[in-house]
Protein backbone atom coordinates (compact mmCIF):
# COMPACT_ATOMS: atom_id res chain seq x y z
CA UNK A 1 82.07 102.47 90.09
CA UNK A 2 82.54 103.61 93.66
CA UNK A 3 85.75 102.54 95.39
CA UNK A 4 85.72 101.82 99.12
CA UNK A 5 89.02 102.37 100.99
CA UNK A 6 91.02 104.22 98.33
CA UNK A 7 92.87 105.95 101.18
CA UNK A 8 93.94 102.61 102.60
CA UNK A 9 95.12 101.45 99.17
CA UNK A 10 97.13 104.62 98.64
CA UNK A 11 98.67 104.35 102.12
CA UNK A 12 99.69 100.71 101.62
CA UNK A 13 100.95 101.26 98.09
CA UNK A 14 102.94 104.36 99.13
CA UNK A 15 105.69 102.14 100.52
CA UNK A 16 106.45 101.23 96.89
CA UNK A 17 107.16 104.52 95.05
CA UNK A 18 107.27 102.81 91.65
CA UNK A 19 103.53 102.05 91.74
CA UNK A 20 102.18 105.54 92.30
CA UNK A 21 101.27 106.07 88.64
CA UNK A 22 99.92 102.54 87.97
CA UNK A 23 97.68 102.79 91.05
CA UNK A 24 96.38 106.19 89.95
CA UNK A 25 95.73 104.81 86.45
CA UNK A 26 93.86 101.82 87.92
CA UNK A 27 91.82 104.10 90.17
CA UNK A 28 90.89 106.37 87.25
CA UNK A 29 89.82 103.35 85.21
CA UNK A 30 87.65 101.96 88.02
CA UNK A 31 86.13 105.33 88.91
CA UNK A 32 85.10 106.10 85.34
CA UNK A 33 83.93 102.61 84.37
CA UNK A 34 80.51 101.04 84.37
CA UNK A 35 81.60 97.45 84.83
CA UNK A 36 79.14 94.61 84.52
CA UNK A 37 81.50 91.63 84.56
CA UNK A 38 85.12 90.53 84.60
CA UNK A 39 85.27 90.65 80.82
CA UNK A 40 84.68 94.42 80.97
CA UNK A 41 87.79 94.71 83.13
CA UNK A 42 89.82 92.49 80.81
CA UNK A 43 89.33 94.93 77.96
CA UNK A 44 91.89 97.11 79.76
CA UNK A 45 93.52 94.76 82.32
CA UNK A 46 93.86 91.59 80.25
CA UNK A 47 95.39 89.53 83.04
CA UNK A 48 92.81 90.38 85.71
CA UNK A 49 91.33 87.23 87.13
CA UNK A 50 88.69 86.03 89.54
CA UNK A 51 90.21 84.13 92.46
CA UNK A 52 87.68 82.96 95.00
CA UNK A 53 85.33 85.89 95.57
CA UNK A 54 88.01 88.45 94.70
CA UNK A 55 89.33 90.04 91.53
CA UNK A 56 93.12 90.14 91.25
CA UNK A 57 94.96 92.72 89.15
CA UNK A 58 98.61 92.44 88.09
CA UNK A 59 100.20 95.83 88.68
CA UNK A 60 103.44 97.14 87.19
CA UNK A 61 104.51 94.24 85.05
CA UNK A 62 103.32 91.55 87.43
CA UNK A 63 105.49 92.86 90.31
CA UNK A 64 102.47 93.58 92.52
CA UNK A 65 98.96 92.26 93.04
CA UNK A 66 95.94 94.41 93.79
CA UNK A 67 93.10 92.38 95.27
CA UNK A 68 89.56 93.75 95.40
CA UNK A 69 85.99 92.61 95.85
CA UNK A 70 83.70 93.89 93.11
CA UNK A 71 79.93 94.10 93.46
CA UNK A 72 78.91 94.65 89.86
CA UNK A 73 75.23 95.03 90.69
CA UNK A 74 75.83 97.81 93.22
CA UNK A 75 78.78 99.33 91.27
CA UNK A 76 81.07 99.12 94.28
CA UNK A 77 84.71 98.03 94.51
CA UNK A 78 86.05 97.15 97.97
CA UNK A 79 89.82 97.35 98.27
CA UNK A 80 91.24 94.33 100.11
CA UNK A 81 95.00 93.87 99.64
CA UNK A 82 98.01 95.31 97.86
CA UNK A 83 100.84 92.76 97.82
CA UNK A 84 104.18 92.17 96.20
CA UNK A 85 104.31 89.15 93.91
CA UNK A 86 106.19 87.20 96.62
CA UNK A 87 103.63 88.10 99.31
CA UNK A 88 100.79 87.10 97.01
CA UNK A 89 102.35 83.69 96.39
CA UNK A 90 102.40 82.94 100.12
CA UNK A 91 98.58 82.80 99.88
CA UNK A 92 97.98 84.33 103.33
CA UNK A 93 95.39 86.63 101.77
CA UNK A 94 93.30 83.54 101.08
CA UNK A 95 92.66 83.32 104.85
CA UNK A 96 90.26 86.24 104.45
CA UNK A 97 86.81 84.94 105.49
CA UNK A 98 85.26 86.38 102.34
CA UNK A 99 87.67 84.51 100.08
């Protein structure tokens, strides 16, 4: 899979030093995977879920949410949002026109 905007993800996640390793692990998983559906993701990230047109990952024990758009056919992952659990629950990210 090819990840679009990994630099933006790393920059936004850098304000939370405790997620450096989990983000790198997630990136390595995505980069090396040939994903065809959400169930492929759930083999490693059991709690990943489809919400609207996005895929949401729980990061670091459910403290953070990583929200991406995955085009399985084109093997592309578009980074959208990295949020704390509290920010995620405010649902502002659902105002994204692609949601």
